[in-house]
């Protein structure tokens, strides 16, 4: 009976060891997945910051172009007025 008991206990210990190894393996997979998610989140955050900077840069450029356009429109109006005055003087 003691030999039978030892055999059962040995089997139980083997089974527990296998379960412990499987649990450790799953734990490592979970840690790896968590680290990957953190890395992806950081990459997305960095990409978002880059895109926000690009948006700000493009808005600044758009404002500069808008001012330049308004200035050119004013110059055109002034030149047209000058041409009209010149034509009417003749």
N, C-alpha and C. Protein backbone atom coordinates (compact mmCIF):
# COMPACT_ATOMS: atom_id res chain seq x y z
N UNK A 1 0.82 -1.19 0.00
CA UNK A 1 0.00 0.00 0.00
C UNK A 1 0.86 1.25 0.00
N UNK A 2 1.99 1.21 0.70
CA UNK A 2 2.87 2.38 0.73
C UNK A 2 3.43 2.63 -0.66
N UNK A 3 3.79 1.58 -1.36
CA UNK A 3 4.31 1.72 -2.71
C UNK A 3 3.24 2.32 -3.62
N UNK A 4 2.01 1.87 -3.47
CA UNK A 4 0.88 2.40 -4.26
C UNK A 4 0.69 3.89 -3.93
N UNK A 5 0.75 4.22 -2.65
CA UNK A 5 0.60 5.60 -2.19
C UNK A 5 1.72 6.47 -2.77
N UNK A 6 2.94 5.96 -2.73
CA UNK A 6 4.07 6.71 -3.28
C UNK A 6 3.92 6.92 -4.78
N UNK A 7 3.38 5.90 -5.45
CA UNK A 7 3.17 6.00 -6.89
C UNK A 7 2.13 7.08 -7.19
N UNK A 8 1.05 7.10 -6.41
CA UNK A 8 -0.01 8.11 -6.59
C UNK A 8 0.54 9.50 -6.30
N UNK A 9 1.30 9.64 -5.20
CA UNK A 9 1.88 10.93 -4.83
C UNK A 9 2.87 11.38 -5.90
N UNK A 10 3.66 10.45 -6.40
CA UNK A 10 4.63 10.78 -7.47
C UNK A 10 3.90 11.28 -8.71
N UNK A 11 2.80 10.61 -9.07
CA UNK A 11 2.01 11.05 -10.22
C UNK A 11 1.42 12.43 -9.97
N UNK A 12 0.95 12.62 -8.75
CA UNK A 12 0.37 13.91 -8.39
C UNK A 12 1.42 15.01 -8.46
N UNK A 13 2.61 14.74 -7.95
CA UNK A 13 3.70 15.73 -8.00
C UNK A 13 4.07 16.04 -9.45
N UNK A 14 4.11 15.01 -10.30
CA UNK A 14 4.40 15.22 -11.72
C UNK A 14 3.35 16.11 -12.37
N UNK A 15 2.10 15.82 -12.05
CA UNK A 15 1.00 16.59 -12.61
C UNK A 15 1.07 18.05 -12.14
N UNK A 16 1.35 18.25 -10.86
CA UNK A 16 1.46 19.61 -10.32
C UNK A 16 2.64 20.34 -10.97
N UNK A 17 3.75 19.65 -11.17
CA UNK A 17 4.90 20.25 -11.85
C UNK A 17 4.55 20.67 -13.28
N UNK A 18 3.83 19.80 -13.98
CA UNK A 18 3.41 20.13 -15.36
C UNK A 18 2.49 21.35 -15.37
N UNK A 19 1.57 21.37 -14.41
CA UNK A 19 0.66 22.51 -14.32
C UNK A 19 1.41 23.79 -13.97
N UNK A 20 2.41 23.67 -13.10
CA UNK A 20 3.21 24.85 -12.72
C UNK A 20 3.98 25.36 -13.94
N UNK A 21 4.54 24.44 -14.73
CA UNK A 21 5.27 24.84 -15.93
C UNK A 21 4.33 25.51 -16.93
N UNK A 22 3.13 24.93 -17.10
CA UNK A 22 2.16 25.51 -18.02
C UNK A 22 1.72 26.89 -17.54
N UNK A 23 1.51 27.03 -16.23
CA UNK A 23 1.11 28.33 -15.67
C UNK A 23 2.22 29.35 -15.86
N UNK A 24 3.45 28.95 -15.64
CA UNK A 24 4.60 29.85 -15.83
C UNK A 24 4.72 30.27 -17.29
N UNK A 25 4.50 29.31 -18.19
CA UNK A 25 4.55 29.62 -19.62
C UNK A 25 3.47 30.63 -20.00
N UNK A 26 2.27 30.42 -19.51
CA UNK A 26 1.17 31.35 -19.79
C UNK A 26 1.43 32.72 -19.16
N UNK A 27 2.04 32.70 -17.99
CA UNK A 27 2.38 33.97 -17.33
C UNK A 27 3.38 34.75 -18.18
N UNK A 28 4.38 34.07 -18.71
CA UNK A 28 5.38 34.72 -19.55
C UNK A 28 4.73 35.25 -20.84
N UNK A 29 3.82 34.48 -21.41
CA UNK A 29 3.11 34.95 -22.61
C UNK A 29 2.31 36.20 -22.28
N UNK A 30 1.65 36.21 -21.14
CA UNK A 30 0.84 37.37 -20.74
C UNK A 30 1.72 38.59 -20.52
N UNK A 31 2.87 38.39 -19.90
CA UNK A 31 3.80 39.51 -19.67
C UNK A 31 4.30 40.04 -21.02
N UNK A 32 4.63 39.13 -21.92
CA UNK A 32 5.07 39.54 -23.25
C UNK A 32 3.99 40.31 -23.99
N UNK A 33 2.75 39.84 -23.91
CA UNK A 33 1.64 40.53 -24.57
C UNK A 33 1.43 41.91 -23.95
N UNK A 34 1.51 42.00 -22.63
CA UNK A 34 1.33 43.29 -21.95
C UNK A 34 2.43 44.27 -22.37
N UNK A 35 3.67 43.78 -22.43
CA UNK A 35 4.78 44.65 -22.85
C UNK A 35 4.60 45.11 -24.30
N UNK A 36 4.12 44.21 -25.14
CA UNK A 36 3.87 44.56 -26.54
C UNK A 36 2.80 45.64 -26.64
N UNK A 37 1.74 45.49 -25.87
CA UNK A 37 0.68 46.50 -25.86
C UNK A 37 1.18 47.85 -25.38
N UNK A 38 2.02 47.84 -24.35
CA UNK A 38 2.60 49.09 -23.86
C UNK A 38 3.45 49.74 -24.95
N UNK A 39 4.23 48.92 -25.63
CA UNK A 39 5.09 49.42 -26.70
C UNK A 39 4.25 50.02 -27.83
N UNK A 40 3.19 49.33 -28.20
CA UNK A 40 2.31 49.82 -29.26
C UNK A 40 1.65 51.13 -28.82
N UNK A 41 1.23 51.19 -27.58
CA UNK A 41 0.60 52.41 -27.06
C UNK A 41 1.58 53.58 -27.11
N UNK A 42 2.83 53.34 -26.74
CA UNK A 42 3.84 54.40 -26.78
C UNK A 42 4.10 54.84 -28.22
N UNK A 43 4.15 53.87 -29.13
CA UNK A 43 4.36 54.21 -30.54
C UNK A 43 3.21 55.06 -31.06
N UNK A 44 2.00 54.69 -30.71
CA UNK A 44 0.83 55.46 -31.15
C UNK A 44 0.86 56.86 -30.56
N UNK A 45 1.24 56.96 -29.31
CA UNK A 45 1.32 58.27 -28.67
C UNK A 45 2.36 59.15 -29.37
N UNK A 46 3.51 58.56 -29.69
CA UNK A 46 4.55 59.31 -30.39
C UNK A 46 4.06 59.72 -31.78
N UNK A 47 3.38 58.80 -32.46
CA UNK A 47 2.85 59.11 -33.79
C UNK A 47 1.80 60.21 -33.71
N UNK A 48 0.96 60.16 -32.69
CA UNK A 48 -0.06 61.19 -32.51
C UNK A 48 0.60 62.55 -32.28
N UNK A 49 1.65 62.58 -31.47
CA UNK A 49 2.36 63.83 -31.22
C UNK A 49 2.98 64.37 -32.51
N UNK A 50 3.54 63.47 -33.32
CA UNK A 50 4.12 63.90 -34.59
C UNK A 50 3.04 64.48 -35.50
N UNK A 51 1.89 63.81 -35.54
CA UNK A 51 0.80 64.29 -36.38
C UNK A 51 0.26 65.62 -35.87
N UNK A 52 0.18 65.78 -34.56
CA UNK A 52 -0.28 67.05 -34.00
C UNK A 52 0.69 68.18 -34.36
N UNK A 53 1.98 67.88 -34.30
CA UNK A 53 2.99 68.87 -34.69
C UNK A 53 2.86 69.22 -36.17
N UNK A 54 2.62 68.21 -37.00
CA UNK A 54 2.45 68.44 -38.43
C UNK A 54 1.20 69.27 -38.70
N UNK A 55 0.13 68.99 -37.98
CA UNK A 55 -1.10 69.78 -38.12
C UNK A 55 -0.84 71.23 -37.75
N UNK A 56 -0.16 71.45 -36.64
CA UNK A 56 0.16 72.82 -36.21
C UNK A 56 1.01 73.53 -37.27
N UNK A 57 1.98 72.81 -37.82
CA UNK A 57 2.84 73.38 -38.85
C UNK A 57 2.03 73.75 -40.09
N UNK A 58 1.13 72.86 -40.49
CA UNK A 58 0.30 73.12 -41.68
C UNK A 58 -0.68 74.26 -41.43
N UNK A 59 -1.19 74.38 -40.21
CA UNK A 59 -2.07 75.50 -39.88
C UNK A 59 -1.32 76.82 -39.97
N UNK A 60 -0.09 76.82 -39.48
CA UNK A 60 0.74 78.02 -39.55
C UNK A 60 1.01 78.37 -41.01
N UNK A 61 1.32 77.38 -41.80
CA UNK A 61 1.59 77.59 -43.22
C UNK A 61 0.32 78.11 -43.92
N UNK A 62 -0.82 77.55 -43.59
CA UNK A 62 -2.09 77.99 -44.16
C UNK A 62 -2.35 79.45 -43.81
N UNK A 63 -2.12 79.83 -42.57
CA UNK A 63 -2.32 81.21 -42.14
C UNK A 63 -1.37 82.15 -42.90
N UNK A 64 -0.14 81.71 -43.08
CA UNK A 64 0.84 82.52 -43.82
C UNK A 64 0.36 82.70 -45.27
N UNK A 65 -0.12 81.62 -45.88
CA UNK A 65 -0.64 81.71 -47.25
C UNK A 65 -1.88 82.59 -47.33
N UNK A 66 -2.73 82.52 -46.33
CA UNK A 66 -3.94 83.34 -46.31
C UNK A 66 -3.57 84.83 -46.26
N UNK A 67 -2.63 85.16 -45.40
CA UNK A 67 -2.17 86.55 -45.29
C UNK A 67 -1.53 87.00 -46.60
N UNK A 68 -0.72 86.13 -47.19
CA UNK A 68 -0.08 86.46 -48.46
C UNK A 68 -1.13 86.67 -49.55
N UNK A 69 -2.15 85.83 -49.57
CA UNK A 69 -3.23 85.95 -50.56
C UNK A 69 -3.96 87.28 -50.38
N UNK A 70 -4.30 87.61 -49.13
CA UNK A 70 -4.99 88.88 -48.87
C UNK A 70 -4.13 90.07 -49.30
N UNK A 71 -2.84 89.99 -49.02
CA UNK A 71 -1.93 91.05 -49.44
C UNK A 71 -1.89 91.17 -50.95
N UNK A 72 -1.80 90.03 -51.63
CA UNK A 72 -1.77 90.05 -53.10
C UNK A 72 -3.08 90.57 -53.68
N UNK A 73 -4.20 90.23 -53.05
CA UNK A 73 -5.50 90.75 -53.50
C UNK A 73 -5.53 92.26 -53.35
N UNK A 74 -5.00 92.77 -52.26
CA UNK A 74 -4.96 94.22 -52.03
C UNK A 74 -4.06 94.89 -53.06
N UNK A 75 -2.92 94.28 -53.34
CA UNK A 75 -2.00 94.82 -54.35
C UNK A 75 -2.68 94.83 -55.71
N UNK A 76 -3.36 93.74 -56.03
CA UNK A 76 -4.07 93.66 -57.31
C UNK A 76 -5.13 94.76 -57.41
N UNK A 77 -5.89 94.95 -56.32
CA UNK A 77 -6.92 95.99 -56.32
C UNK A 77 -6.28 97.36 -56.49
N UNK A 78 -5.18 97.60 -55.80
CA UNK A 78 -4.48 98.89 -55.93
C UNK A 78 -3.98 99.09 -57.36
N UNK A 79 -3.44 98.05 -57.97
CA UNK A 79 -2.93 98.15 -59.34
C UNK A 79 -4.08 98.38 -60.33
N UNK A 80 -5.19 97.66 -60.11
CA UNK A 80 -6.35 97.87 -60.98
C UNK A 80 -6.88 99.29 -60.85
N UNK A 81 -6.90 99.80 -59.64
CA UNK A 81 -7.34 101.17 -59.41
C UNK A 81 -6.40 102.16 -60.11
N UNK A 82 -5.10 101.90 -60.02
CA UNK A 82 -4.12 102.76 -60.68
C UNK A 82 -4.32 102.73 -62.20
N UNK A 83 -4.53 101.52 -62.73
CA UNK A 83 -4.74 101.38 -64.18
C UNK A 83 -6.01 102.12 -64.60
N UNK A 84 -7.08 101.95 -63.83
CA UNK A 84 -8.34 102.65 -64.14
C UNK A 84 -8.13 104.16 -64.13
N UNK A 85 -7.44 104.68 -63.13
CA UNK A 85 -7.18 106.11 -63.04
C UNK A 85 -6.32 106.57 -64.21
N UNK A 86 -5.35 105.78 -64.60
CA UNK A 86 -4.46 106.13 -65.70
C UNK A 86 -5.25 106.18 -67.01
N UNK A 87 -6.14 105.18 -67.21
CA UNK A 87 -6.95 105.13 -68.42
C UNK A 87 -7.90 106.32 -68.49
N UNK A 88 -8.53 106.66 -67.38
CA UNK A 88 -9.50 107.76 -67.36
C UNK A 88 -8.81 109.11 -67.53
N UNK A 89 -7.54 109.22 -67.20
CA UNK A 89 -6.82 110.48 -67.35
C UNK A 89 -6.53 110.80 -68.81
N UNK A 90 -6.48 109.78 -69.64
CA UNK A 90 -6.16 109.98 -71.06
C UNK A 90 -7.31 110.49 -71.82
